[in-house]
């Protein structure tokens, strides 16, 4: 799918630095950034869910340890 990306000058410079630092094109830098952000978001959601479930499952033990 084709897409137009409009960046201000500061964002353009940041993208150029990111691409250069990783030795890739600007297009590839954008694709990687999107993929990384999506993976991080899913991973963070999973960690929060596991933490919530663990706190619920071990609530009484955690309470005793806190005393």
PDB file of N, CA and C in Angstrom:
ATOM      1  N   UNK A   1       0.844  -1.169   0.000  1.00  0.00           N
ATOM      2  CA  UNK A   1       0.000   0.000   0.000  1.00  0.00           C
ATOM      3  C   UNK A   1       0.889   1.232   0.000  1.00  0.00           C
ATOM      4  N   UNK A   2       0.619   2.143  -0.886  1.00  0.00           N
ATOM      5  CA  UNK A   2       1.377   3.390  -0.950  1.00  0.00           C
ATOM      6  C   UNK A   2       0.871   4.349   0.121  1.00  0.00           C
ATOM      7  N   UNK A   3       1.786   5.163   0.616  1.00  0.00           N
ATOM      8  CA  UNK A   3       1.417   6.086   1.674  1.00  0.00           C
ATOM      9  C   UNK A   3       2.331   7.304   1.595  1.00  0.00           C
ATOM     10  N   UNK A   4       1.775   8.457   1.880  1.00  0.00           N
ATOM     11  CA  UNK A   4       2.572   9.673   1.935  1.00  0.00           C
ATOM     12  C   UNK A   4       2.806  10.016   3.393  1.00  0.00           C
ATOM     13  N   UNK A   5       4.046  10.316   3.719  1.00  0.00           N
ATOM     14  CA  UNK A   5       4.397  10.674   5.088  1.00  0.00           C
ATOM     15  C   UNK A   5       4.895  12.103   5.089  1.00  0.00           C
ATOM     16  N   UNK A   6       4.243  12.943   5.840  1.00  0.00           N
ATOM     17  CA  UNK A   6       4.644  14.346   5.910  1.00  0.00           C
ATOM     18  C   UNK A   6       5.357  14.593   7.230  1.00  0.00           C
ATOM     19  N   UNK A   7       6.583  15.046   7.141  1.00  0.00           N
ATOM     20  CA  UNK A   7       7.396  15.319   8.317  1.00  0.00           C
ATOM     21  C   UNK A   7       7.821  16.771   8.333  1.00  0.00           C
ATOM     22  N   UNK A   8       7.950  17.328   9.527  1.00  0.00           N
ATOM     23  CA  UNK A   8       8.527  18.666   9.610  1.00  0.00           C
ATOM     24  C   UNK A   8      10.051  18.518   9.532  1.00  0.00           C
ATOM     25  N   UNK A   9      10.765  19.630   9.504  1.00  0.00           N
ATOM     26  CA  UNK A   9      12.220  19.586   9.325  1.00  0.00           C
ATOM     27  C   UNK A   9      12.912  18.803  10.437  1.00  0.00           C
ATOM     28  N   UNK A  10      12.478  19.002  11.652  1.00  0.00           N
ATOM     29  CA  UNK A  10      13.091  18.306  12.793  1.00  0.00           C
ATOM     30  C   UNK A  10      12.879  16.795  12.686  1.00  0.00           C
ATOM     31  N   UNK A  11      11.680  16.380  12.328  1.00  0.00           N
ATOM     32  CA  UNK A  11      11.390  14.964  12.166  1.00  0.00           C
ATOM     33  C   UNK A  11      12.187  14.368  11.007  1.00  0.00           C
ATOM     34  N   UNK A  12      12.328  15.138   9.933  1.00  0.00           N
ATOM     35  CA  UNK A  12      13.120  14.696   8.777  1.00  0.00           C
ATOM     36  C   UNK A  12      14.575  14.475   9.175  1.00  0.00           C
ATOM     37  N   UNK A  13      15.129  15.396   9.955  1.00  0.00           N
ATOM     38  CA  UNK A  13      16.512  15.241  10.423  1.00  0.00           C
ATOM     39  C   UNK A  13      16.639  14.016  11.318  1.00  0.00           C
ATOM     40  N   UNK A  14      15.674  13.829  12.209  1.00  0.00           N
ATOM     41  CA  UNK A  14      15.713  12.663  13.098  1.00  0.00           C
ATOM     42  C   UNK A  14      15.644  11.372  12.302  1.00  0.00           C
ATOM     43  N   UNK A  15      14.797  11.344  11.296  1.00  0.00           N
ATOM     44  CA  UNK A  15      14.685  10.158  10.451  1.00  0.00           C
ATOM     45  C   UNK A  15      15.987   9.899   9.700  1.00  0.00           C
ATOM     46  N   UNK A  16      16.588  10.949   9.174  1.00  0.00           N
ATOM     47  CA  UNK A  16      17.853  10.800   8.456  1.00  0.00           C
ATOM     48  C   UNK A  16      18.940  10.263   9.386  1.00  0.00           C
ATOM     49  N   UNK A  17      18.994  10.766  10.608  1.00  0.00           N
ATOM     50  CA  UNK A  17      19.976  10.277  11.583  1.00  0.00           C
ATOM     51  C   UNK A  17      19.722   8.818  11.938  1.00  0.00           C
ATOM     52  N   UNK A  18      18.467   8.458  12.128  1.00  0.00           N
ATOM     53  CA  UNK A  18      18.112   7.078  12.446  1.00  0.00           C
ATOM     54  C   UNK A  18      18.509   6.139  11.315  1.00  0.00           C
ATOM     55  N   UNK A  19      18.190   6.521  10.098  1.00  0.00           N
ATOM     56  CA  UNK A  19      18.526   5.696   8.939  1.00  0.00           C
ATOM     57  C   UNK A  19      20.038   5.549   8.806  1.00  0.00           C
ATOM     58  N   UNK A  20      20.745   6.646   8.949  1.00  0.00           N
ATOM     59  CA  UNK A  20      22.200   6.599   8.828  1.00  0.00           C
ATOM     60  C   UNK A  20      22.823   5.750   9.931  1.00  0.00           C
ATOM     61  N   UNK A  21      22.340   5.917  11.152  1.00  0.00           N
ATOM     62  CA  UNK A  21      22.885   5.156  12.280  1.00  0.00           C
ATOM     63  C   UNK A  21      22.697   3.654  12.095  1.00  0.00           C
ATOM     64  N   UNK A  22      21.618   3.273  11.424  1.00  0.00           N
ATOM     65  CA  UNK A  22      21.338   1.852  11.221  1.00  0.00           C
ATOM     66  C   UNK A  22      21.783   1.351   9.848  1.00  0.00           C
ATOM     67  N   UNK A  23      22.329   2.243   9.044  1.00  0.00           N
ATOM     68  CA  UNK A  23      22.809   1.852   7.726  1.00  0.00           C
ATOM     69  C   UNK A  23      21.717   1.373   6.790  1.00  0.00           C
ATOM     70  N   UNK A  24      20.553   2.016   6.887  1.00  0.00           N
ATOM     71  CA  UNK A  24      19.417   1.626   6.048  1.00  0.00           C
ATOM     72  C   UNK A  24      18.817   2.868   5.405  1.00  0.00           C
ATOM     73  N   UNK A  25      17.916   2.638   4.475  1.00  0.00           N
ATOM     74  CA  UNK A  25      17.209   3.753   3.846  1.00  0.00           C
ATOM     75  C   UNK A  25      16.214   4.364   4.838  1.00  0.00           C
ATOM     76  N   UNK A  26      15.740   5.541   4.512  1.00  0.00           N
ATOM     77  CA  UNK A  26      14.720   6.170   5.349  1.00  0.00           C
ATOM     78  C   UNK A  26      13.461   5.311   5.377  1.00  0.00           C
ATOM     79  N   UNK A  27      13.112   4.754   4.233  1.00  0.00           N
ATOM     80  CA  UNK A  27      11.940   3.877   4.162  1.00  0.00           C
ATOM     81  C   UNK A  27      12.096   2.708   5.134  1.00  0.00           C
ATOM     82  N   UNK A  28      13.248   2.050   5.090  1.00  0.00           N
ATOM     83  CA  UNK A  28      13.484   0.899   5.970  1.00  0.00           C
ATOM     84  C   UNK A  28      13.494   1.324   7.439  1.00  0.00           C
ATOM     85  N   UNK A  29      14.049   2.501   7.730  1.00  0.00           N
ATOM     86  CA  UNK A  29      14.058   3.001   9.108  1.00  0.00           C
ATOM     87  C   UNK A  29      12.636   3.198   9.619  1.00  0.00           C
ATOM     88  N   UNK A  30      11.763   3.715   8.766  1.00  0.00           N
ATOM     89  CA  UNK A  30      10.359   3.916   9.158  1.00  0.00           C
ATOM     90  C   UNK A  30       9.673   2.575   9.377  1.00  0.00           C
ATOM     91  N   UNK A  31       9.873   1.633   8.463  1.00  0.00           N
ATOM     92  CA  UNK A  31       9.248   0.314   8.594  1.00  0.00           C
ATOM     93  C   UNK A  31       9.706  -0.361   9.880  1.00  0.00           C
ATOM     94  N   UNK A  32      11.007  -0.304  10.162  1.00  0.00           N
ATOM     95  CA  UNK A  32      11.527  -0.917  11.390  1.00  0.00           C
ATOM     96  C   UNK A  32      10.970  -0.241  12.639  1.00  0.00           C
ATOM     97  N   UNK A  33      10.870   1.085  12.602  1.00  0.00           N
ATOM     98  CA  UNK A  33      10.347   1.816  13.762  1.00  0.00           C
ATOM     99  C   UNK A  33       8.897   1.428  14.041  1.00  0.00           C
ATOM    100  N   UNK A  34       8.118   1.288  13.001  1.00  0.00           N
ATOM    101  CA  UNK A  34       6.710   0.892  13.170  1.00  0.00           C
ATOM    102  C   UNK A  34       6.627  -0.519  13.725  1.00  0.00           C
ATOM    103  N   UNK A  35       7.404  -1.428  13.151  1.00  0.00           N
ATOM    104  CA  UNK A  35       7.394  -2.820  13.600  1.00  0.00           C
ATOM    105  C   UNK A  35       7.854  -2.927  15.051  1.00  0.00           C
ATOM    106  N   UNK A  36       8.928  -2.222  15.398  1.00  0.00           N
ATOM    107  CA  UNK A  36       9.432  -2.249  16.771  1.00  0.00           C
ATOM    108  C   UNK A  36       8.411  -1.677  17.763  1.00  0.00           C
ATOM    109  N   UNK A  37       7.786  -0.575  17.389  1.00  0.00           N
ATOM    110  CA  UNK A  37       6.793   0.043  18.277  1.00  0.00           C
ATOM    111  C   UNK A  37       5.605  -0.884  18.495  1.00  0.00           C
ATOM    112  N   UNK A  38       5.156  -1.547  17.440  1.00  0.00           N
ATOM    113  CA  UNK A  38       4.025  -2.472  17.567  1.00  0.00           C
ATOM    114  C   UNK A  38       4.393  -3.654  18.459  1.00  0.00           C
ATOM    115  N   UNK A  39       5.583  -4.208  18.260  1.00  0.00           N
ATOM    116  CA  UNK A  39       6.024  -5.346  19.079  1.00  0.00           C
ATOM    117  C   UNK A  39       6.153  -4.941  20.544  1.00  0.00           C
ATOM    118  N   UNK A  40       6.704  -3.749  20.789  1.00  0.00           N
ATOM    119  CA  UNK A  40       6.854  -3.256  22.156  1.00  0.00           C
ATOM    120  C   UNK A  40       5.499  -3.082  22.827  1.00  0.00           C
ATOM    121  N   UNK A  41       4.553  -2.549  22.091  1.00  0.00           N
ATOM    122  CA  UNK A  41       3.214  -2.325  22.636  1.00  0.00           C
ATOM    123  C   UNK A  41       2.548  -3.638  23.018  1.00  0.00           C
ATOM    124  N   UNK A  42       2.633  -4.618  22.138  1.00  0.00           N
ATOM    125  CA  UNK A  42       2.031  -5.932  22.420  1.00  0.00           C
ATOM    126  C   UNK A  42       2.731  -6.573  23.612  1.00  0.00           C
ATOM    127  N   UNK A  43       4.064  -6.496  23.637  1.00  0.00           N
ATOM    128  CA  UNK A  43       4.838  -7.078  24.735  1.00  0.00           C
ATOM    129  C   UNK A  43       4.490  -6.386  26.055  1.00  0.00           C
ATOM    130  N   UNK A  44       4.401  -5.061  26.048  1.00  0.00           N
ATOM    131  CA  UNK A  44       4.055  -4.320  27.263  1.00  0.00           C
ATOM    132  C   UNK A  44       2.663  -4.701  27.760  1.00  0.00           C
ATOM    133  N   UNK A  45       1.718  -4.835  26.849  1.00  0.00           N
ATOM    134  CA  UNK A  45       0.366  -5.248  27.234  1.00  0.00           C
ATOM    135  C   UNK A  45       0.386  -6.628  27.874  1.00  0.00           C
ATOM    136  N   UNK A  46       1.171  -7.537  27.308  1.00  0.00           N
ATOM    137  CA  UNK A  46       1.262  -8.903  27.839  1.00  0.00           C
ATOM    138  C   UNK A  46       1.896  -8.905  29.232  1.00  0.00           C
ATOM    139  N   UNK A  47       2.945  -8.121  29.415  1.00  0.00           N
ATOM    140  CA  UNK A  47       3.607  -8.032  30.724  1.00  0.00           C
ATOM    141  C   UNK A  47       2.642  -7.468  31.759  1.00  0.00           C
ATOM    142  N   UNK A  48       1.880  -6.431  31.382  1.00  0.00           N
ATOM    143  CA  UNK A  48       0.906  -5.867  32.327  1.00  0.00           C
ATOM    144  C   UNK A  48      -0.148  -6.897  32.708  1.00  0.00           C
ATOM    145  N   UNK A  49      -0.612  -7.673  31.733  1.00  0.00           N
ATOM    146  CA  UNK A  49      -1.615  -8.697  32.010  1.00  0.00           C
ATOM    147  C   UNK A  49      -1.047  -9.773  32.924  1.00  0.00           C
ATOM    148  N   UNK A  50       0.167 -10.212  32.669  1.00  0.00           N
ATOM    149  CA  UNK A  50       0.790 -11.226  33.523  1.00  0.00           C
ATOM    150  C   UNK A  50       0.997 -10.700  34.935  1.00  0.00           C
ATOM    151  N   UNK A  51       1.403  -9.441  35.053  1.00  0.00           N
ATOM    152  CA  UNK A  51       1.600  -8.832  36.360  1.00  0.00           C
ATOM    153  C   UNK A  51       0.281  -8.745  37.122  1.00  0.00           C
ATOM    154  N   UNK A  52      -0.762  -8.307  36.437  1.00  0.00           N
ATOM    155  CA  UNK A  52      -2.080  -8.199  37.063  1.00  0.00           C
ATOM    156  C   UNK A  52      -2.554  -9.569  37.537  1.00  0.00           C
ATOM    157  N   UNK A  53      -2.400 -10.580  36.687  1.00  0.00           N
ATOM    158  CA  UNK A  53      -2.833 -11.929  37.048  1.00  0.00           C
ATOM    159  C   UNK A  53      -2.018 -12.478  38.218  1.00  0.00           C
ATOM    160  N   UNK A  54      -0.721 -12.213  38.202  1.00  0.00           N
ATOM    161  CA  UNK A  54       0.136 -12.685  39.288  1.00  0.00           C
ATOM    162  C   UNK A  54      -0.207 -12.017  40.605  1.00  0.00           C
ATOM    163  N   UNK A  55      -0.478 -10.714  40.560  1.00  0.00           N
ATOM    164  CA  UNK A  55      -0.855 -10.014  41.796  1.00  0.00           C
ATOM    165  C   UNK A  55      -2.169 -10.555  42.338  1.00  0.00           C
ATOM    166  N   UNK A  56      -3.114 -10.845  41.461  1.00  0.00           N
ATOM    167  CA  UNK A  56      -4.401 -11.389  41.909  1.00  0.00           C
ATOM    168  C   UNK A  56      -4.211 -12.797  42.472  1.00  0.00           C
ATOM    169  N   UNK A  57      -3.429 -13.606  41.791  1.00  0.00           N
ATOM    170  CA  UNK A  57      -3.238 -15.000  42.201  1.00  0.00           C
ATOM    171  C   UNK A  57      -2.504 -15.103  43.540  1.00  0.00           C
ATOM    172  N   UNK A  58      -1.526 -14.232  43.749  1.00  0.00           N
ATOM    173  CA  UNK A  58      -0.697 -14.313  44.953  1.00  0.00           C
ATOM    174  C   UNK A  58      -0.956 -13.162  45.924  1.00  0.00           C
ATOM    175  N   UNK A  59      -2.139 -12.597  45.893  1.00  0.00           N
ATOM    176  CA  UNK A  59      -2.455 -11.435  46.732  1.00  0.00           C
ATOM    177  C   UNK A  59      -2.247 -11.720  48.205  1.00  0.00           C
ATOM    178  N   UNK A  60      -2.728 -12.868  48.688  1.00  0.00           N
ATOM    179  CA  UNK A  60      -2.593 -13.162  50.125  1.00  0.00           C
ATOM    180  C   UNK A  60      -1.123 -13.340  50.503  1.00  0.00           C
ATOM    181  N   UNK A  61      -0.356 -13.981  49.667  1.00  0.00           N
ATOM    182  CA  UNK A  61       1.063 -14.154  49.944  1.00  0.00           C
ATOM    183  C   UNK A  61       1.771 -12.810  49.931  1.00  0.00           C
ATOM    184  N   UNK A  62       1.466 -11.972  48.986  1.00  0.00           N
ATOM    185  CA  UNK A  62       2.068 -10.646  48.919  1.00  0.00           C
ATOM    186  C   UNK A  62       1.706  -9.819  50.147  1.00  0.00           C
ATOM    187  N   UNK A  63       0.478  -9.940  50.604  1.00  0.00           N
ATOM    188  CA  UNK A  63       0.063  -9.226  51.814  1.00  0.00           C
ATOM    189  C   UNK A  63       0.870  -9.700  53.022  1.00  0.00           C
ATOM    190  N   UNK A  64       1.048 -11.002  53.149  1.00  0.00           N
ATOM    191  CA  UNK A  64       1.822 -11.540  54.288  1.00  0.00           C
ATOM    192  C   UNK A  64       3.276 -11.092  54.216  1.00  0.00           C
ATOM    193  N   UNK A  65       3.845 -11.084  53.033  1.00  0.00           N
ATOM    194  CA  UNK A  65       5.237 -10.650  52.873  1.00  0.00           C
ATOM    195  C   UNK A  65       5.400  -9.171  53.199  1.00  0.00           C
ATOM    196  N   UNK A  66       4.368  -8.395  52.958  1.00  0.00           N
ATOM    197  CA  UNK A  66       4.431  -6.951  53.215  1.00  0.00           C
ATOM    198  C   UNK A  66       4.410  -6.627  54.700  1.00  0.00           C
ATOM    199  N   UNK A  67       3.962  -7.558  55.510  1.00  0.00           N
ATOM    200  CA  UNK A  67       3.861  -7.292  56.969  1.00  0.00           C
ATOM    201  C   UNK A  67       5.167  -7.452  57.669  1.00  0.00           C
TER     202      UNK A  67
END
